[in-house]
Amino acid sequence: MRLDPGDVVYISGPMTGFGCYNLRAFHAAAHALESAGFRVLNPANGPPGLSWTEHMRIDLDLLRQASAVLLLHEYESSRGARIELEIAEIGGLKIIYPG
């Protein structure tokens, strides 16, 4: 799937169970997308100290604003990323799978 210049891209991937919540992968993806001119919604920028459910509520609100989703490696191992993918598919968003 190709991204178009006006796309707003939500980054989805595993956090729980990864060292430093996998923030490096999220921020690297955000930097690459922003450098290519895309607007990015990065859930790794969320407030610290919230429960998983509280983070998911915020993340799903962000996802509703997106036109595309970029999936990070090992997204399959993340319950939250699988939920986000299902919602993206239902909503007809563009989905970019890890390469």
N, C-alpha and C. Protein backbone atom coordinates (compact mmCIF):
# COMPACT_ATOMS: atom_id res chain seq x y z
N MET A 1 0.85 -1.18 0.00
CA MET A 1 0.00 0.00 0.00
C MET A 1 0.89 1.23 0.00
N ARG A 2 0.54 2.18 -0.81
CA ARG A 2 1.29 3.44 -0.90
C ARG A 2 0.63 4.53 -0.10
N LEU A 3 1.47 5.38 0.49
CA LEU A 3 0.96 6.56 1.19
C LEU A 3 0.89 7.72 0.22
N ASP A 4 -0.10 8.56 0.41
CA ASP A 4 -0.25 9.78 -0.37
C ASP A 4 0.22 10.96 0.47
N PRO A 5 0.62 12.07 -0.16
CA PRO A 5 1.17 13.21 0.58
C PRO A 5 0.28 13.72 1.71
N GLY A 6 -1.02 13.65 1.58
CA GLY A 6 -1.91 14.18 2.61
C GLY A 6 -2.24 13.20 3.73
N ASP A 7 -1.70 11.99 3.68
CA ASP A 7 -2.04 10.99 4.68
C ASP A 7 -1.56 11.38 6.08
N VAL A 8 -2.38 11.04 7.05
CA VAL A 8 -2.03 11.15 8.46
C VAL A 8 -1.79 9.72 8.92
N VAL A 9 -0.58 9.44 9.40
CA VAL A 9 -0.16 8.07 9.67
C VAL A 9 -0.07 7.82 11.17
N TYR A 10 -0.81 6.82 11.61
CA TYR A 10 -0.76 6.36 12.99
C TYR A 10 0.23 5.21 13.08
N ILE A 11 1.09 5.22 14.08
CA ILE A 11 2.07 4.15 14.25
C ILE A 11 1.53 3.15 15.26
N SER A 12 1.54 1.89 14.89
CA SER A 12 1.02 0.83 15.75
C SER A 12 2.07 -0.26 15.91
N GLY A 13 2.25 -0.70 17.13
CA GLY A 13 3.21 -1.76 17.37
C GLY A 13 3.24 -2.15 18.84
N PRO A 14 4.09 -3.11 19.16
CA PRO A 14 4.16 -3.59 20.53
C PRO A 14 4.89 -2.62 21.45
N MET A 15 4.40 -2.51 22.66
CA MET A 15 5.07 -1.72 23.71
C MET A 15 5.27 -2.57 24.97
N THR A 16 4.18 -3.15 25.46
CA THR A 16 4.23 -3.93 26.68
C THR A 16 5.16 -5.12 26.51
N GLY A 17 6.05 -5.31 27.47
CA GLY A 17 6.97 -6.44 27.43
C GLY A 17 8.25 -6.17 26.66
N PHE A 18 8.38 -4.98 26.07
CA PHE A 18 9.59 -4.61 25.35
C PHE A 18 10.39 -3.64 26.21
N GLY A 19 11.71 -3.75 26.13
CA GLY A 19 12.56 -2.83 26.85
C GLY A 19 12.24 -1.39 26.48
N CYS A 20 12.13 -0.54 27.49
CA CYS A 20 11.78 0.88 27.29
C CYS A 20 10.53 1.04 26.45
N TYR A 21 9.63 0.06 26.54
CA TYR A 21 8.34 0.08 25.83
C TYR A 21 8.48 0.22 24.32
N ASN A 22 9.63 -0.15 23.80
CA ASN A 22 9.85 -0.12 22.34
C ASN A 22 9.80 1.31 21.79
N LEU A 23 10.05 2.28 22.65
CA LEU A 23 9.95 3.68 22.24
C LEU A 23 10.89 4.03 21.11
N ARG A 24 12.07 3.43 21.11
CA ARG A 24 13.04 3.74 20.04
C ARG A 24 12.46 3.42 18.67
N ALA A 25 11.77 2.28 18.53
CA ALA A 25 11.18 1.91 17.24
C ALA A 25 10.07 2.89 16.85
N PHE A 26 9.24 3.27 17.81
CA PHE A 26 8.17 4.22 17.51
C PHE A 26 8.74 5.57 17.07
N HIS A 27 9.73 6.06 17.81
CA HIS A 27 10.29 7.37 17.48
C HIS A 27 11.08 7.35 16.16
N ALA A 28 11.75 6.24 15.88
CA ALA A 28 12.46 6.12 14.60
C ALA A 28 11.48 6.13 13.44
N ALA A 29 10.37 5.41 13.58
CA ALA A 29 9.36 5.39 12.52
C ALA A 29 8.75 6.77 12.35
N ALA A 30 8.47 7.44 13.46
CA ALA A 30 7.89 8.79 13.38
C ALA A 30 8.85 9.74 12.66
N HIS A 31 10.12 9.66 13.00
CA HIS A 31 11.11 10.53 12.37
C HIS A 31 11.18 10.29 10.86
N ALA A 32 11.19 9.02 10.46
CA ALA A 32 11.27 8.68 9.04
C ALA A 32 10.03 9.20 8.30
N LEU A 33 8.87 9.02 8.89
CA LEU A 33 7.63 9.49 8.25
C LEU A 33 7.58 11.01 8.16
N GLU A 34 7.95 11.67 9.26
CA GLU A 34 7.94 13.13 9.25
C GLU A 34 8.95 13.68 8.26
N SER A 35 10.11 13.05 8.16
CA SER A 35 11.14 13.47 7.20
C SER A 35 10.65 13.33 5.77
N ALA A 36 9.74 12.39 5.54
CA ALA A 36 9.17 12.19 4.20
C ALA A 36 7.97 13.10 3.97
N GLY A 37 7.63 13.93 4.95
CA GLY A 37 6.57 14.91 4.77
C GLY A 37 5.19 14.50 5.27
N PHE A 38 5.09 13.38 5.97
CA PHE A 38 3.78 12.93 6.46
C PHE A 38 3.50 13.50 7.85
N ARG A 39 2.23 13.66 8.12
CA ARG A 39 1.80 14.00 9.48
C ARG A 39 1.69 12.68 10.24
N VAL A 40 2.17 12.67 11.48
CA VAL A 40 2.30 11.43 12.22
C VAL A 40 1.57 11.52 13.56
N LEU A 41 0.87 10.45 13.89
CA LEU A 41 0.25 10.29 15.20
C LEU A 41 1.00 9.16 15.89
N ASN A 42 1.78 9.52 16.91
CA ASN A 42 2.67 8.58 17.57
C ASN A 42 2.18 8.31 18.99
N PRO A 43 1.60 7.13 19.25
CA PRO A 43 1.11 6.83 20.58
C PRO A 43 2.20 6.78 21.64
N ALA A 44 3.46 6.69 21.23
CA ALA A 44 4.56 6.68 22.18
C ALA A 44 4.75 8.04 22.84
N ASN A 45 4.08 9.05 22.34
CA ASN A 45 4.14 10.38 22.94
C ASN A 45 3.08 10.59 24.02
N GLY A 46 2.34 9.54 24.33
CA GLY A 46 1.28 9.64 25.33
C GLY A 46 1.83 9.89 26.72
N PRO A 47 0.95 10.30 27.62
CA PRO A 47 1.40 10.60 28.99
C PRO A 47 1.82 9.33 29.73
N PRO A 48 2.86 9.43 30.55
CA PRO A 48 3.31 8.25 31.32
C PRO A 48 2.39 7.97 32.51
N GLY A 49 2.50 6.75 33.01
CA GLY A 49 1.83 6.41 34.25
C GLY A 49 0.38 5.98 34.13
N LEU A 50 -0.13 5.85 32.91
CA LEU A 50 -1.52 5.43 32.74
C LEU A 50 -1.60 3.91 32.65
N SER A 51 -2.78 3.39 32.89
CA SER A 51 -3.00 1.96 32.72
C SER A 51 -3.06 1.62 31.23
N TRP A 52 -2.98 0.33 30.93
CA TRP A 52 -3.10 -0.11 29.54
C TRP A 52 -4.41 0.37 28.94
N THR A 53 -5.51 0.23 29.68
CA THR A 53 -6.82 0.64 29.19
C THR A 53 -6.87 2.14 28.93
N GLU A 54 -6.31 2.92 29.82
CA GLU A 54 -6.30 4.37 29.62
C GLU A 54 -5.49 4.74 28.38
N HIS A 55 -4.35 4.08 28.19
CA HIS A 55 -3.55 4.34 26.98
C HIS A 55 -4.33 3.95 25.73
N MET A 56 -5.00 2.82 25.76
CA MET A 56 -5.75 2.38 24.58
C MET A 56 -6.87 3.36 24.25
N ARG A 57 -7.53 3.90 25.22
CA ARG A 57 -8.58 4.90 24.95
C ARG A 57 -8.01 6.09 24.20
N ILE A 58 -6.87 6.58 24.67
CA ILE A 58 -6.21 7.71 24.00
C ILE A 58 -5.77 7.30 22.60
N ASP A 59 -5.15 6.12 22.50
CA ASP A 59 -4.62 5.66 21.21
C ASP A 59 -5.73 5.46 20.18
N LEU A 60 -6.86 4.94 20.61
CA LEU A 60 -7.97 4.74 19.67
C LEU A 60 -8.55 6.06 19.21
N ASP A 61 -8.53 7.07 20.08
CA ASP A 61 -8.94 8.42 19.64
C ASP A 61 -7.98 8.95 18.58
N LEU A 62 -6.69 8.71 18.77
CA LEU A 62 -5.70 9.12 17.75
C LEU A 62 -5.94 8.37 16.45
N LEU A 63 -6.17 7.08 16.55
CA LEU A 63 -6.37 6.25 15.36
C LEU A 63 -7.55 6.76 14.53
N ARG A 64 -8.58 7.25 15.18
CA ARG A 64 -9.75 7.77 14.45
C ARG A 64 -9.39 8.96 13.57
N GLN A 65 -8.30 9.63 13.85
CA GLN A 65 -7.88 10.80 13.09
C GLN A 65 -6.98 10.44 11.91
N ALA A 66 -6.59 9.18 11.82
CA ALA A 66 -5.61 8.75 10.81
C ALA A 66 -6.28 8.32 9.52
N SER A 67 -5.49 8.39 8.45
CA SER A 67 -5.92 7.83 7.16
C SER A 67 -5.11 6.58 6.82
N ALA A 68 -4.05 6.34 7.60
CA ALA A 68 -3.18 5.19 7.36
C ALA A 68 -2.58 4.73 8.69
N VAL A 69 -2.19 3.45 8.71
CA VAL A 69 -1.54 2.87 9.88
C VAL A 69 -0.24 2.22 9.43
N LEU A 70 0.83 2.54 10.13
CA LEU A 70 2.11 1.88 9.91
C LEU A 70 2.31 0.89 11.04
N LEU A 71 2.43 -0.39 10.70
CA LEU A 71 2.64 -1.44 11.69
C LEU A 71 4.13 -1.68 11.87
N LEU A 72 4.57 -1.71 13.12
CA LEU A 72 5.96 -2.00 13.43
C LEU A 72 6.19 -3.51 13.51
N HIS A 73 7.44 -3.91 13.42
CA HIS A 73 7.79 -5.33 13.55
C HIS A 73 7.24 -5.88 14.85
N GLU A 74 6.81 -7.12 14.79
CA GLU A 74 6.27 -7.87 15.92
C GLU A 74 4.93 -7.31 16.41
N TYR A 75 4.23 -6.58 15.56
CA TYR A 75 2.91 -6.07 15.95
C TYR A 75 1.97 -7.21 16.32
N GLU A 76 2.20 -8.38 15.72
CA GLU A 76 1.32 -9.52 15.97
C GLU A 76 1.34 -9.95 17.43
N SER A 77 2.43 -9.65 18.14
CA SER A 77 2.56 -10.07 19.53
C SER A 77 1.87 -9.10 20.49
N SER A 78 1.32 -8.03 19.97
CA SER A 78 0.72 -6.99 20.80
C SER A 78 -0.80 -7.02 20.71
N ARG A 79 -1.44 -7.21 21.82
CA ARG A 79 -2.91 -7.19 21.86
C ARG A 79 -3.43 -5.84 21.37
N GLY A 80 -2.83 -4.76 21.85
CA GLY A 80 -3.27 -3.43 21.44
C GLY A 80 -3.11 -3.18 19.95
N ALA A 81 -1.96 -3.59 19.39
CA ALA A 81 -1.73 -3.40 17.96
C ALA A 81 -2.70 -4.23 17.13
N ARG A 82 -3.02 -5.44 17.60
CA ARG A 82 -4.00 -6.26 16.87
C ARG A 82 -5.38 -5.61 16.89
N ILE A 83 -5.75 -5.00 18.01
CA ILE A 83 -7.03 -4.28 18.09
C ILE A 83 -7.00 -3.10 17.14
N GLU A 84 -5.91 -2.34 17.16
CA GLU A 84 -5.78 -1.18 16.26
C GLU A 84 -5.85 -1.60 14.80
N LEU A 85 -5.21 -2.70 14.46
CA LEU A 85 -5.25 -3.20 13.08
C LEU A 85 -6.68 -3.56 12.69
N GLU A 86 -7.39 -4.24 13.55
CA GLU A 86 -8.77 -4.62 13.22
C GLU A 86 -9.64 -3.39 13.00
N ILE A 87 -9.49 -2.39 13.84
CA ILE A 87 -10.27 -1.16 13.69
C ILE A 87 -9.87 -0.45 12.39
N ALA A 88 -8.59 -0.44 12.08
CA ALA A 88 -8.12 0.19 10.83
C ALA A 88 -8.70 -0.52 9.62
N GLU A 89 -8.74 -1.84 9.66
CA GLU A 89 -9.32 -2.60 8.55
C GLU A 89 -10.80 -2.30 8.40
N ILE A 90 -11.53 -2.29 9.49
CA ILE A 90 -12.96 -1.99 9.45
C ILE A 90 -13.20 -0.59 8.92
N GLY A 91 -12.33 0.34 9.33
CA GLY A 91 -12.49 1.74 8.92
C GLY A 91 -11.97 2.06 7.54
N GLY A 92 -11.38 1.08 6.86
CA GLY A 92 -10.89 1.30 5.51
C GLY A 92 -9.61 2.12 5.43
N LEU A 93 -8.83 2.14 6.50
CA LEU A 93 -7.57 2.88 6.48
C LEU A 93 -6.53 2.13 5.65
N LYS A 94 -5.57 2.85 5.12
CA LYS A 94 -4.44 2.23 4.45
C LYS A 94 -3.59 1.57 5.54
N ILE A 95 -3.07 0.39 5.23
CA ILE A 95 -2.27 -0.34 6.20
C ILE A 95 -0.92 -0.65 5.58
N ILE A 96 0.13 -0.24 6.28
CA ILE A 96 1.49 -0.47 5.83
C ILE A 96 2.10 -1.52 6.76
N TYR A 97 2.35 -2.69 6.21
CA TYR A 97 2.92 -3.79 7.00
C TYR A 97 4.43 -3.66 7.05
N PRO A 98 5.07 -4.21 8.10
CA PRO A 98 6.53 -4.13 8.19
C PRO A 98 7.19 -4.82 7.00
N GLY A 99 8.27 -4.25 6.55
CA GLY A 99 8.94 -4.79 5.38
C GLY A 99 10.04 -5.73 5.64
